[in-house]
PDBML (XML) file of the C-alpha atoms, coordinates in Angstrom:
<?xml version="1.0" encoding="UTF-8" ?>
<PDBx:datablock datablockName="MODEL"
   xmlns:PDBx="http://pdbml.pdb.org/schema/pdbx-v50.xsd"
   xmlns:xsi="http://www.w3.org/2001/XMLSchema-instance"
   xsi:schemaLocation="http://pdbml.pdb.org/schema/pdbx-v50.xsd pdbx-v50.xsd">
   <PDBx:atom_siteCategory>
      <PDBx:atom_site id="1">
         <PDBx:B_iso_or_equiv>0.00</PDBx:B_iso_or_equiv>
         <PDBx:Cartn_x>0.000</PDBx:Cartn_x>
         <PDBx:Cartn_y>0.000</PDBx:Cartn_y>
         <PDBx:Cartn_z>0.000</PDBx:Cartn_z>
         <PDBx:auth_asym_id>A</PDBx:auth_asym_id>
         <PDBx:auth_atom_id>CA</PDBx:auth_atom_id>
         <PDBx:auth_comp_id>LYS</PDBx:auth_comp_id>
         <PDBx:auth_seq_id>1</PDBx:auth_seq_id>
         <PDBx:group_PDB>ATOM</PDBx:group_PDB>
         <PDBx:label_alt_id xsi:nil="true" />
         <PDBx:label_asym_id>A</PDBx:label_asym_id>
         <PDBx:label_atom_id>CA</PDBx:label_atom_id>
         <PDBx:label_comp_id>LYS</PDBx:label_comp_id>
         <PDBx:label_entity_id>1</PDBx:label_entity_id>
         <PDBx:label_seq_id>1</PDBx:label_seq_id>
         <PDBx:occupancy>1.00</PDBx:occupancy>
         <PDBx:pdbx_PDB_model_num>1</PDBx:pdbx_PDB_model_num>
         <PDBx:type_symbol>C</PDBx:type_symbol>
      </PDBx:atom_site>
      <PDBx:atom_site id="2">
         <PDBx:B_iso_or_equiv>0.00</PDBx:B_iso_or_equiv>
         <PDBx:Cartn_x>2.757</PDBx:Cartn_x>
         <PDBx:Cartn_y>2.476</PDBx:Cartn_y>
         <PDBx:Cartn_z>0.960</PDBx:Cartn_z>
         <PDBx:auth_asym_id>A</PDBx:auth_asym_id>
         <PDBx:auth_atom_id>CA</PDBx:auth_atom_id>
         <PDBx:auth_comp_id>LEU</PDBx:auth_comp_id>
         <PDBx:auth_seq_id>2</PDBx:auth_seq_id>
         <PDBx:group_PDB>ATOM</PDBx:group_PDB>
         <PDBx:label_alt_id xsi:nil="true" />
         <PDBx:label_asym_id>A</PDBx:label_asym_id>
         <PDBx:label_atom_id>CA</PDBx:label_atom_id>
         <PDBx:label_comp_id>LEU</PDBx:label_comp_id>
         <PDBx:label_entity_id>1</PDBx:label_entity_id>
         <PDBx:label_seq_id>2</PDBx:label_seq_id>
         <PDBx:occupancy>1.00</PDBx:occupancy>
         <PDBx:pdbx_PDB_model_num>1</PDBx:pdbx_PDB_model_num>
         <PDBx:type_symbol>C</PDBx:type_symbol>
      </PDBx:atom_site>
      <PDBx:atom_site id="3">
         <PDBx:B_iso_or_equiv>0.00</PDBx:B_iso_or_equiv>
         <PDBx:Cartn_x>4.704</PDBx:Cartn_x>
         <PDBx:Cartn_y>2.102</PDBx:Cartn_y>
         <PDBx:Cartn_z>-2.291</PDBx:Cartn_z>
         <PDBx:auth_asym_id>A</PDBx:auth_asym_id>
         <PDBx:auth_atom_id>CA</PDBx:auth_atom_id>
         <PDBx:auth_comp_id>VAL</PDBx:auth_comp_id>
         <PDBx:auth_seq_id>3</PDBx:auth_seq_id>
         <PDBx:group_PDB>ATOM</PDBx:group_PDB>
         <PDBx:label_alt_id xsi:nil="true" />
         <PDBx:label_asym_id>A</PDBx:label_asym_id>
         <PDBx:label_atom_id>CA</PDBx:label_atom_id>
         <PDBx:label_comp_id>VAL</PDBx:label_comp_id>
         <PDBx:label_entity_id>1</PDBx:label_entity_id>
         <PDBx:label_seq_id>3</PDBx:label_seq_id>
         <PDBx:occupancy>1.00</PDBx:occupancy>
         <PDBx:pdbx_PDB_model_num>1</PDBx:pdbx_PDB_model_num>
         <PDBx:type_symbol>C</PDBx:type_symbol>
      </PDBx:atom_site>
      <PDBx:atom_site id="4">
         <PDBx:B_iso_or_equiv>0.00</PDBx:B_iso_or_equiv>
         <PDBx:Cartn_x>1.633</PDBx:Cartn_x>
         <PDBx:Cartn_y>2.696</PDBx:Cartn_y>
         <PDBx:Cartn_z>-4.440</PDBx:Cartn_z>
         <PDBx:auth_asym_id>A</PDBx:auth_asym_id>
         <PDBx:auth_atom_id>CA</PDBx:auth_atom_id>
         <PDBx:auth_comp_id>GLY</PDBx:auth_comp_id>
         <PDBx:auth_seq_id>4</PDBx:auth_seq_id>
         <PDBx:group_PDB>ATOM</PDBx:group_PDB>
         <PDBx:label_alt_id xsi:nil="true" />
         <PDBx:label_asym_id>A</PDBx:label_asym_id>
         <PDBx:label_atom_id>CA</PDBx:label_atom_id>
         <PDBx:label_comp_id>GLY</PDBx:label_comp_id>
         <PDBx:label_entity_id>1</PDBx:label_entity_id>
         <PDBx:label_seq_id>4</PDBx:label_seq_id>
         <PDBx:occupancy>1.00</PDBx:occupancy>
         <PDBx:pdbx_PDB_model_num>1</PDBx:pdbx_PDB_model_num>
         <PDBx:type_symbol>C</PDBx:type_symbol>
      </PDBx:atom_site>
      <PDBx:atom_site id="5">
         <PDBx:B_iso_or_equiv>0.00</PDBx:B_iso_or_equiv>
         <PDBx:Cartn_x>-0.052</PDBx:Cartn_x>
         <PDBx:Cartn_y>-0.673</PDBx:Cartn_y>
         <PDBx:Cartn_z>-4.887</PDBx:Cartn_z>
         <PDBx:auth_asym_id>A</PDBx:auth_asym_id>
         <PDBx:auth_atom_id>CA</PDBx:auth_atom_id>
         <PDBx:auth_comp_id>GLY</PDBx:auth_comp_id>
         <PDBx:auth_seq_id>5</PDBx:auth_seq_id>
         <PDBx:group_PDB>ATOM</PDBx:group_PDB>
         <PDBx:label_alt_id xsi:nil="true" />
         <PDBx:label_asym_id>A</PDBx:label_asym_id>
         <PDBx:label_atom_id>CA</PDBx:label_atom_id>
         <PDBx:label_comp_id>GLY</PDBx:label_comp_id>
         <PDBx:label_entity_id>1</PDBx:label_entity_id>
         <PDBx:label_seq_id>5</PDBx:label_seq_id>
         <PDBx:occupancy>1.00</PDBx:occupancy>
         <PDBx:pdbx_PDB_model_num>1</PDBx:pdbx_PDB_model_num>
         <PDBx:type_symbol>C</PDBx:type_symbol>
      </PDBx:atom_site>
      <PDBx:atom_site id="6">
         <PDBx:B_iso_or_equiv>0.00</PDBx:B_iso_or_equiv>
         <PDBx:Cartn_x>0.504</PDBx:Cartn_x>
         <PDBx:Cartn_y>-3.967</PDBx:Cartn_y>
         <PDBx:Cartn_z>-6.647</PDBx:Cartn_z>
         <PDBx:auth_asym_id>A</PDBx:auth_asym_id>
         <PDBx:auth_atom_id>CA</PDBx:auth_atom_id>
         <PDBx:auth_comp_id>GLU</PDBx:auth_comp_id>
         <PDBx:auth_seq_id>6</PDBx:auth_seq_id>
         <PDBx:group_PDB>ATOM</PDBx:group_PDB>
         <PDBx:label_alt_id xsi:nil="true" />
         <PDBx:label_asym_id>A</PDBx:label_asym_id>
         <PDBx:label_atom_id>CA</PDBx:label_atom_id>
         <PDBx:label_comp_id>GLU</PDBx:label_comp_id>
         <PDBx:label_entity_id>1</PDBx:label_entity_id>
         <PDBx:label_seq_id>6</PDBx:label_seq_id>
         <PDBx:occupancy>1.00</PDBx:occupancy>
         <PDBx:pdbx_PDB_model_num>1</PDBx:pdbx_PDB_model_num>
         <PDBx:type_symbol>C</PDBx:type_symbol>
      </PDBx:atom_site>
      <PDBx:atom_site id="7">
         <PDBx:B_iso_or_equiv>0.00</PDBx:B_iso_or_equiv>
         <PDBx:Cartn_x>1.850</PDBx:Cartn_x>
         <PDBx:Cartn_y>-2.455</PDBx:Cartn_y>
         <PDBx:Cartn_z>-9.870</PDBx:Cartn_z>
         <PDBx:auth_asym_id>A</PDBx:auth_asym_id>
         <PDBx:auth_atom_id>CA</PDBx:auth_atom_id>
         <PDBx:auth_comp_id>GLU</PDBx:auth_comp_id>
         <PDBx:auth_seq_id>7</PDBx:auth_seq_id>
         <PDBx:group_PDB>ATOM</PDBx:group_PDB>
         <PDBx:label_alt_id xsi:nil="true" />
         <PDBx:label_asym_id>A</PDBx:label_asym_id>
         <PDBx:label_atom_id>CA</PDBx:label_atom_id>
         <PDBx:label_comp_id>GLU</PDBx:label_comp_id>
         <PDBx:label_entity_id>1</PDBx:label_entity_id>
         <PDBx:label_seq_id>7</PDBx:label_seq_id>
         <PDBx:occupancy>1.00</PDBx:occupancy>
         <PDBx:pdbx_PDB_model_num>1</PDBx:pdbx_PDB_model_num>
         <PDBx:type_symbol>C</PDBx:type_symbol>
      </PDBx:atom_site>
      <PDBx:atom_site id="8">
         <PDBx:B_iso_or_equiv>0.00</PDBx:B_iso_or_equiv>
         <PDBx:Cartn_x>4.828</PDBx:Cartn_x>
         <PDBx:Cartn_y>-1.027</PDBx:Cartn_y>
         <PDBx:Cartn_z>-7.965</PDBx:Cartn_z>
         <PDBx:auth_asym_id>A</PDBx:auth_asym_id>
         <PDBx:auth_atom_id>CA</PDBx:auth_atom_id>
         <PDBx:auth_comp_id>LYS</PDBx:auth_comp_id>
         <PDBx:auth_seq_id>8</PDBx:auth_seq_id>
         <PDBx:group_PDB>ATOM</PDBx:group_PDB>
         <PDBx:label_alt_id xsi:nil="true" />
         <PDBx:label_asym_id>A</PDBx:label_asym_id>
         <PDBx:label_atom_id>CA</PDBx:label_atom_id>
         <PDBx:label_comp_id>LYS</PDBx:label_comp_id>
         <PDBx:label_entity_id>1</PDBx:label_entity_id>
         <PDBx:label_seq_id>8</PDBx:label_seq_id>
         <PDBx:occupancy>1.00</PDBx:occupancy>
         <PDBx:pdbx_PDB_model_num>1</PDBx:pdbx_PDB_model_num>
         <PDBx:type_symbol>C</PDBx:type_symbol>
      </PDBx:atom_site>
      <PDBx:atom_site id="9">
         <PDBx:B_iso_or_equiv>0.00</PDBx:B_iso_or_equiv>
         <PDBx:Cartn_x>5.228</PDBx:Cartn_x>
         <PDBx:Cartn_y>-3.852</PDBx:Cartn_y>
         <PDBx:Cartn_z>-5.454</PDBx:Cartn_z>
         <PDBx:auth_asym_id>A</PDBx:auth_asym_id>
         <PDBx:auth_atom_id>CA</PDBx:auth_atom_id>
         <PDBx:auth_comp_id>PHE</PDBx:auth_comp_id>
         <PDBx:auth_seq_id>9</PDBx:auth_seq_id>
         <PDBx:group_PDB>ATOM</PDBx:group_PDB>
         <PDBx:label_alt_id xsi:nil="true" />
         <PDBx:label_asym_id>A</PDBx:label_asym_id>
         <PDBx:label_atom_id>CA</PDBx:label_atom_id>
         <PDBx:label_comp_id>PHE</PDBx:label_comp_id>
         <PDBx:label_entity_id>1</PDBx:label_entity_id>
         <PDBx:label_seq_id>9</PDBx:label_seq_id>
         <PDBx:occupancy>1.00</PDBx:occupancy>
         <PDBx:pdbx_PDB_model_num>1</PDBx:pdbx_PDB_model_num>
         <PDBx:type_symbol>C</PDBx:type_symbol>
      </PDBx:atom_site>
      <PDBx:atom_site id="10">
         <PDBx:B_iso_or_equiv>0.00</PDBx:B_iso_or_equiv>
         <PDBx:Cartn_x>5.103</PDBx:Cartn_x>
         <PDBx:Cartn_y>-6.878</PDBx:Cartn_y>
         <PDBx:Cartn_z>-7.753</PDBx:Cartn_z>
         <PDBx:auth_asym_id>A</PDBx:auth_asym_id>
         <PDBx:auth_atom_id>CA</PDBx:auth_atom_id>
         <PDBx:auth_comp_id>GLN</PDBx:auth_comp_id>
         <PDBx:auth_seq_id>10</PDBx:auth_seq_id>
         <PDBx:group_PDB>ATOM</PDBx:group_PDB>
         <PDBx:label_alt_id xsi:nil="true" />
         <PDBx:label_asym_id>A</PDBx:label_asym_id>
         <PDBx:label_atom_id>CA</PDBx:label_atom_id>
         <PDBx:label_comp_id>GLN</PDBx:label_comp_id>
         <PDBx:label_entity_id>1</PDBx:label_entity_id>
         <PDBx:label_seq_id>10</PDBx:label_seq_id>
         <PDBx:occupancy>1.00</PDBx:occupancy>
         <PDBx:pdbx_PDB_model_num>1</PDBx:pdbx_PDB_model_num>
         <PDBx:type_symbol>C</PDBx:type_symbol>
      </PDBx:atom_site>
      <PDBx:atom_site id="11">
         <PDBx:B_iso_or_equiv>0.00</PDBx:B_iso_or_equiv>
         <PDBx:Cartn_x>8.428</PDBx:Cartn_x>
         <PDBx:Cartn_y>-6.167</PDBx:Cartn_y>
         <PDBx:Cartn_z>-9.534</PDBx:Cartn_z>
         <PDBx:auth_asym_id>A</PDBx:auth_asym_id>
         <PDBx:auth_atom_id>CA</PDBx:auth_atom_id>
         <PDBx:auth_comp_id>PRO</PDBx:auth_comp_id>
         <PDBx:auth_seq_id>11</PDBx:auth_seq_id>
         <PDBx:group_PDB>ATOM</PDBx:group_PDB>
         <PDBx:label_alt_id xsi:nil="true" />
         <PDBx:label_asym_id>A</PDBx:label_asym_id>
         <PDBx:label_atom_id>CA</PDBx:label_atom_id>
         <PDBx:label_comp_id>PRO</PDBx:label_comp_id>
         <PDBx:label_entity_id>1</PDBx:label_entity_id>
         <PDBx:label_seq_id>11</PDBx:label_seq_id>
         <PDBx:occupancy>1.00</PDBx:occupancy>
         <PDBx:pdbx_PDB_model_num>1</PDBx:pdbx_PDB_model_num>
         <PDBx:type_symbol>C</PDBx:type_symbol>
      </PDBx:atom_site>
      <PDBx:atom_site id="12">
         <PDBx:B_iso_or_equiv>0.00</PDBx:B_iso_or_equiv>
         <PDBx:Cartn_x>10.057</PDBx:Cartn_x>
         <PDBx:Cartn_y>-5.909</PDBx:Cartn_y>
         <PDBx:Cartn_z>-6.108</PDBx:Cartn_z>
         <PDBx:auth_asym_id>A</PDBx:auth_asym_id>
         <PDBx:auth_atom_id>CA</PDBx:auth_atom_id>
         <PDBx:auth_comp_id>PHE</PDBx:auth_comp_id>
         <PDBx:auth_seq_id>12</PDBx:auth_seq_id>
         <PDBx:group_PDB>ATOM</PDBx:group_PDB>
         <PDBx:label_alt_id xsi:nil="true" />
         <PDBx:label_asym_id>A</PDBx:label_asym_id>
         <PDBx:label_atom_id>CA</PDBx:label_atom_id>
         <PDBx:label_comp_id>PHE</PDBx:label_comp_id>
         <PDBx:label_entity_id>1</PDBx:label_entity_id>
         <PDBx:label_seq_id>12</PDBx:label_seq_id>
         <PDBx:occupancy>1.00</PDBx:occupancy>
         <PDBx:pdbx_PDB_model_num>1</PDBx:pdbx_PDB_model_num>
         <PDBx:type_symbol>C</PDBx:type_symbol>
      </PDBx:atom_site>
      <PDBx:atom_site id="13">
         <PDBx:B_iso_or_equiv>0.00</PDBx:B_iso_or_equiv>
         <PDBx:Cartn_x>8.788</PDBx:Cartn_x>
         <PDBx:Cartn_y>-9.379</PDBx:Cartn_y>
         <PDBx:Cartn_z>-5.190</PDBx:Cartn_z>
         <PDBx:auth_asym_id>A</PDBx:auth_asym_id>
         <PDBx:auth_atom_id>CA</PDBx:auth_atom_id>
         <PDBx:auth_comp_id>LEU</PDBx:auth_comp_id>
         <PDBx:auth_seq_id>13</PDBx:auth_seq_id>
         <PDBx:group_PDB>ATOM</PDBx:group_PDB>
         <PDBx:label_alt_id xsi:nil="true" />
         <PDBx:label_asym_id>A</PDBx:label_asym_id>
         <PDBx:label_atom_id>CA</PDBx:label_atom_id>
         <PDBx:label_comp_id>LEU</PDBx:label_comp_id>
         <PDBx:label_entity_id>1</PDBx:label_entity_id>
         <PDBx:label_seq_id>13</PDBx:label_seq_id>
         <PDBx:occupancy>1.00</PDBx:occupancy>
         <PDBx:pdbx_PDB_model_num>1</PDBx:pdbx_PDB_model_num>
         <PDBx:type_symbol>C</PDBx:type_symbol>
      </PDBx:atom_site>
      <PDBx:atom_site id="14">
         <PDBx:B_iso_or_equiv>0.00</PDBx:B_iso_or_equiv>
         <PDBx:Cartn_x>10.249</PDBx:Cartn_x>
         <PDBx:Cartn_y>-10.934</PDBx:Cartn_y>
         <PDBx:Cartn_z>-8.330</PDBx:Cartn_z>
         <PDBx:auth_asym_id>A</PDBx:auth_asym_id>
         <PDBx:auth_atom_id>CA</PDBx:auth_atom_id>
         <PDBx:auth_comp_id>ARG</PDBx:auth_comp_id>
         <PDBx:auth_seq_id>14</PDBx:auth_seq_id>
         <PDBx:group_PDB>ATOM</PDBx:group_PDB>
         <PDBx:label_alt_id xsi:nil="true" />
         <PDBx:label_asym_id>A</PDBx:label_asym_id>
         <PDBx:label_atom_id>CA</PDBx:label_atom_id>
         <PDBx:label_comp_id>ARG</PDBx:label_comp_id>
         <PDBx:label_entity_id>1</PDBx:label_entity_id>
         <PDBx:label_seq_id>14</PDBx:label_seq_id>
         <PDBx:occupancy>1.00</PDBx:occupancy>
         <PDBx:pdbx_PDB_model_num>1</PDBx:pdbx_PDB_model_num>
         <PDBx:type_symbol>C</PDBx:type_symbol>
      </PDBx:atom_site>
      <PDBx:atom_site id="15">
         <PDBx:B_iso_or_equiv>0.00</PDBx:B_iso_or_equiv>
         <PDBx:Cartn_x>13.585</PDBx:Cartn_x>
         <PDBx:Cartn_y>-9.246</PDBx:Cartn_y>
         <PDBx:Cartn_z>-7.632</PDBx:Cartn_z>
         <PDBx:auth_asym_id>A</PDBx:auth_asym_id>
         <PDBx:auth_atom_id>CA</PDBx:auth_atom_id>
         <PDBx:auth_comp_id>ARG</PDBx:auth_comp_id>
         <PDBx:auth_seq_id>15</PDBx:auth_seq_id>
         <PDBx:group_PDB>ATOM</PDBx:group_PDB>
         <PDBx:label_alt_id xsi:nil="true" />
         <PDBx:label_asym_id>A</PDBx:label_asym_id>
         <PDBx:label_atom_id>CA</PDBx:label_atom_id>
         <PDBx:label_comp_id>ARG</PDBx:label_comp_id>
         <PDBx:label_entity_id>1</PDBx:label_entity_id>
         <PDBx:label_seq_id>15</PDBx:label_seq_id>
         <PDBx:occupancy>1.00</PDBx:occupancy>
         <PDBx:pdbx_PDB_model_num>1</PDBx:pdbx_PDB_model_num>
         <PDBx:type_symbol>C</PDBx:type_symbol>
      </PDBx:atom_site>
      <PDBx:atom_site id="16">
         <PDBx:B_iso_or_equiv>0.00</PDBx:B_iso_or_equiv>
         <PDBx:Cartn_x>13.433</PDBx:Cartn_x>
         <PDBx:Cartn_y>-10.431</PDBx:Cartn_y>
         <PDBx:Cartn_z>-4.026</PDBx:Cartn_z>
         <PDBx:auth_asym_id>A</PDBx:auth_asym_id>
         <PDBx:auth_atom_id>CA</PDBx:auth_atom_id>
         <PDBx:auth_comp_id>TYR</PDBx:auth_comp_id>
         <PDBx:auth_seq_id>16</PDBx:auth_seq_id>
         <PDBx:group_PDB>ATOM</PDBx:group_PDB>
         <PDBx:label_alt_id xsi:nil="true" />
         <PDBx:label_asym_id>A</PDBx:label_asym_id>
         <PDBx:label_atom_id>CA</PDBx:label_atom_id>
         <PDBx:label_comp_id>TYR</PDBx:label_comp_id>
         <PDBx:label_entity_id>1</PDBx:label_entity_id>
         <PDBx:label_seq_id>16</PDBx:label_seq_id>
         <PDBx:occupancy>1.00</PDBx:occupancy>
         <PDBx:pdbx_PDB_model_num>1</PDBx:pdbx_PDB_model_num>
         <PDBx:type_symbol>C</PDBx:type_symbol>
      </PDBx:atom_site>
      <PDBx:atom_site id="17">
         <PDBx:B_iso_or_equiv>0.00</PDBx:B_iso_or_equiv>
         <PDBx:Cartn_x>13.086</PDBx:Cartn_x>
         <PDBx:Cartn_y>-14.085</PDBx:Cartn_y>
         <PDBx:Cartn_z>-5.098</PDBx:Cartn_z>
         <PDBx:auth_asym_id>A</PDBx:auth_asym_id>
         <PDBx:auth_atom_id>CA</PDBx:auth_atom_id>
         <PDBx:auth_comp_id>PHE</PDBx:auth_comp_id>
         <PDBx:auth_seq_id>17</PDBx:auth_seq_id>
         <PDBx:group_PDB>ATOM</PDBx:group_PDB>
         <PDBx:label_alt_id xsi:nil="true" />
         <PDBx:label_asym_id>A</PDBx:label_asym_id>
         <PDBx:label_atom_id>CA</PDBx:label_atom_id>
         <PDBx:label_comp_id>PHE</PDBx:label_comp_id>
         <PDBx:label_entity_id>1</PDBx:label_entity_id>
         <PDBx:label_seq_id>17</PDBx:label_seq_id>
         <PDBx:occupancy>1.00</PDBx:occupancy>
         <PDBx:pdbx_PDB_model_num>1</PDBx:pdbx_PDB_model_num>
         <PDBx:type_symbol>C</PDBx:type_symbol>
      </PDBx:atom_site>
      <PDBx:atom_site id="18">
         <PDBx:B_iso_or_equiv>0.00</PDBx:B_iso_or_equiv>
         <PDBx:Cartn_x>15.830</PDBx:Cartn_x>
         <PDBx:Cartn_y>-13.687</PDBx:Cartn_y>
         <PDBx:Cartn_z>-7.711</PDBx:Cartn_z>
         <PDBx:auth_asym_id>A</PDBx:auth_asym_id>
         <PDBx:auth_atom_id>CA</PDBx:auth_atom_id>
         <PDBx:auth_comp_id>GLU</PDBx:auth_comp_id>
         <PDBx:auth_seq_id>18</PDBx:auth_seq_id>
         <PDBx:group_PDB>ATOM</PDBx:group_PDB>
         <PDBx:label_alt_id xsi:nil="true" />
         <PDBx:label_asym_id>A</PDBx:label_asym_id>
         <PDBx:label_atom_id>CA</PDBx:label_atom_id>
         <PDBx:label_comp_id>GLU</PDBx:label_comp_id>
         <PDBx:label_entity_id>1</PDBx:label_entity_id>
         <PDBx:label_seq_id>18</PDBx:label_seq_id>
         <PDBx:occupancy>1.00</PDBx:occupancy>
         <PDBx:pdbx_PDB_model_num>1</PDBx:pdbx_PDB_model_num>
         <PDBx:type_symbol>C</PDBx:type_symbol>
      </PDBx:atom_site>
      <PDBx:atom_site id="19">
         <PDBx:B_iso_or_equiv>0.00</PDBx:B_iso_or_equiv>
         <PDBx:Cartn_x>18.210</PDBx:Cartn_x>
         <PDBx:Cartn_y>-11.974</PDBx:Cartn_y>
         <PDBx:Cartn_z>-5.283</PDBx:Cartn_z>
         <PDBx:auth_asym_id>A</PDBx:auth_asym_id>
         <PDBx:auth_atom_id>CA</PDBx:auth_atom_id>
         <PDBx:auth_comp_id>HIS</PDBx:auth_comp_id>
         <PDBx:auth_seq_id>19</PDBx:auth_seq_id>
         <PDBx:group_PDB>ATOM</PDBx:group_PDB>
         <PDBx:label_alt_id xsi:nil="true" />
         <PDBx:label_asym_id>A</PDBx:label_asym_id>
         <PDBx:label_atom_id>CA</PDBx:label_atom_id>
         <PDBx:label_comp_id>HIS</PDBx:label_comp_id>
         <PDBx:label_entity_id>1</PDBx:label_entity_id>
         <PDBx:label_seq_id>19</PDBx:label_seq_id>
         <PDBx:occupancy>1.00</PDBx:occupancy>
         <PDBx:pdbx_PDB_model_num>1</PDBx:pdbx_PDB_model_num>
         <PDBx:type_symbol>C</PDBx:type_symbol>
      </PDBx:atom_site>
      <PDBx:atom_site id="20">
         <PDBx:B_iso_or_equiv>0.00</PDBx:B_iso_or_equiv>
         <PDBx:Cartn_x>17.744</PDBx:Cartn_x>
         <PDBx:Cartn_y>-14.312</PDBx:Cartn_y>
         <PDBx:Cartn_z>-2.305</PDBx:Cartn_z>
         <PDBx:auth_asym_id>A</PDBx:auth_asym_id>
         <PDBx:auth_atom_id>CA</PDBx:auth_atom_id>
         <PDBx:auth_comp_id>PHE</PDBx:auth_comp_id>
         <PDBx:auth_seq_id>20</PDBx:auth_seq_id>
         <PDBx:group_PDB>ATOM</PDBx:group_PDB>
         <PDBx:label_alt_id xsi:nil="true" />
         <PDBx:label_asym_id>A</PDBx:label_asym_id>
         <PDBx:label_atom_id>CA</PDBx:label_atom_id>
         <PDBx:label_comp_id>PHE</PDBx:label_comp_id>
         <PDBx:label_entity_id>1</PDBx:label_entity_id>
         <PDBx:label_seq_id>20</PDBx:label_seq_id>
         <PDBx:occupancy>1.00</PDBx:occupancy>
         <PDBx:pdbx_PDB_model_num>1</PDBx:pdbx_PDB_model_num>
         <PDBx:type_symbol>C</PDBx:type_symbol>
      </PDBx:atom_site>
      <PDBx:atom_site id="21">
         <PDBx:B_iso_or_equiv>0.00</PDBx:B_iso_or_equiv>
         <PDBx:Cartn_x>16.970</PDBx:Cartn_x>
         <PDBx:Cartn_y>-17.490</PDBx:Cartn_y>
         <PDBx:Cartn_z>-4.282</PDBx:Cartn_z>
         <PDBx:auth_asym_id>A</PDBx:auth_asym_id>
         <PDBx:auth_atom_id>CA</PDBx:auth_atom_id>
         <PDBx:auth_comp_id>GLY</PDBx:auth_comp_id>
         <PDBx:auth_seq_id>21</PDBx:auth_seq_id>
         <PDBx:group_PDB>ATOM</PDBx:group_PDB>
         <PDBx:label_alt_id xsi:nil="true" />
         <PDBx:label_asym_id>A</PDBx:label_asym_id>
         <PDBx:label_atom_id>CA</PDBx:label_atom_id>
         <PDBx:label_comp_id>GLY</PDBx:label_comp_id>
         <PDBx:label_entity_id>1</PDBx:label_entity_id>
         <PDBx:label_seq_id>21</PDBx:label_seq_id>
         <PDBx:occupancy>1.00</PDBx:occupancy>
         <PDBx:pdbx_PDB_model_num>1</PDBx:pdbx_PDB_model_num>
         <PDBx:type_symbol>C</PDBx:type_symbol>
      </PDBx:atom_site>
      <PDBx:atom_site id="22">
         <PDBx:B_iso_or_equiv>0.00</PDBx:B_iso_or_equiv>
         <PDBx:Cartn_x>18.792</PDBx:Cartn_x>
         <PDBx:Cartn_y>-20.500</PDBx:Cartn_y>
         <PDBx:Cartn_z>-2.842</PDBx:Cartn_z>
         <PDBx:auth_asym_id>A</PDBx:auth_asym_id>
         <PDBx:auth_atom_id>CA</PDBx:auth_atom_id>
         <PDBx:auth_comp_id>GLY</PDBx:auth_comp_id>
         <PDBx:auth_seq_id>22</PDBx:auth_seq_id>
         <PDBx:group_PDB>ATOM</PDBx:group_PDB>
         <PDBx:label_alt_id xsi:nil="true" />
         <PDBx:label_asym_id>A</PDBx:label_asym_id>
         <PDBx:label_atom_id>CA</PDBx:label_atom_id>
         <PDBx:label_comp_id>GLY</PDBx:label_comp_id>
         <PDBx:label_entity_id>1</PDBx:label_entity_id>
         <PDBx:label_seq_id>22</PDBx:label_seq_id>
         <PDBx:occupancy>1.00</PDBx:occupancy>
         <PDBx:pdbx_PDB_model_num>1</PDBx:pdbx_PDB_model_num>
         <PDBx:type_symbol>C</PDBx:type_symbol>
      </PDBx:atom_site>
      <PDBx:atom_site id="23">
         <PDBx:B_iso_or_equiv>0.00</PDBx:B_iso_or_equiv>
         <PDBx:Cartn_x>19.666</PDBx:Cartn_x>
         <PDBx:Cartn_y>-18.586</PDBx:Cartn_y>
         <PDBx:Cartn_z>0.315</PDBx:Cartn_z>
         <PDBx:auth_asym_id>A</PDBx:auth_asym_id>
         <PDBx:auth_atom_id>CA</PDBx:auth_atom_id>
         <PDBx:auth_comp_id>ARG</PDBx:auth_comp_id>
         <PDBx:auth_seq_id>23</PDBx:auth_seq_id>
         <PDBx:group_PDB>ATOM</PDBx:group_PDB>
         <PDBx:label_alt_id xsi:nil="true" />
         <PDBx:label_asym_id>A</PDBx:label_asym_id>
         <PDBx:label_atom_id>CA</PDBx:label_atom_id>
         <PDBx:label_comp_id>ARG</PDBx:label_comp_id>
         <PDBx:label_entity_id>1</PDBx:label_entity_id>
         <PDBx:label_seq_id>23</PDBx:label_seq_id>
         <PDBx:occupancy>1.00</PDBx:occupancy>
         <PDBx:pdbx_PDB_model_num>1</PDBx:pdbx_PDB_model_num>
         <PDBx:type_symbol>C</PDBx:type_symbol>
      </PDBx:atom_site>
      <PDBx:atom_site id="24">
         <PDBx:B_iso_or_equiv>0.00</PDBx:B_iso_or_equiv>
         <PDBx:Cartn_x>18.176</PDBx:Cartn_x>
         <PDBx:Cartn_y>-17.563</PDBx:Cartn_y>
         <PDBx:Cartn_z>3.646</PDBx:Cartn_z>
         <PDBx:auth_asym_id>A</PDBx:auth_asym_id>
         <PDBx:auth_atom_id>CA</PDBx:auth_atom_id>
         <PDBx:auth_comp_id>THR</PDBx:auth_comp_id>
         <PDBx:auth_seq_id>24</PDBx:auth_seq_id>
         <PDBx:group_PDB>ATOM</PDBx:group_PDB>
         <PDBx:label_alt_id xsi:nil="true" />
         <PDBx:label_asym_id>A</PDBx:label_asym_id>
         <PDBx:label_atom_id>CA</PDBx:label_atom_id>
         <PDBx:label_comp_id>THR</PDBx:label_comp_id>
         <PDBx:label_entity_id>1</PDBx:label_entity_id>
         <PDBx:label_seq_id>24</PDBx:label_seq_id>
         <PDBx:occupancy>1.00</PDBx:occupancy>
         <PDBx:pdbx_PDB_model_num>1</PDBx:pdbx_PDB_model_num>
         <PDBx:type_symbol>C</PDBx:type_symbol>
      </PDBx:atom_site>
   </PDBx:atom_siteCategory>
</PDBx:datablock>
């Protein structure tokens, strides 16, 4: 909500899984 909704947040989630993938 704070960053402006799903359109802004969803790319962050994909980057999050790419960045931390295979790790803790």
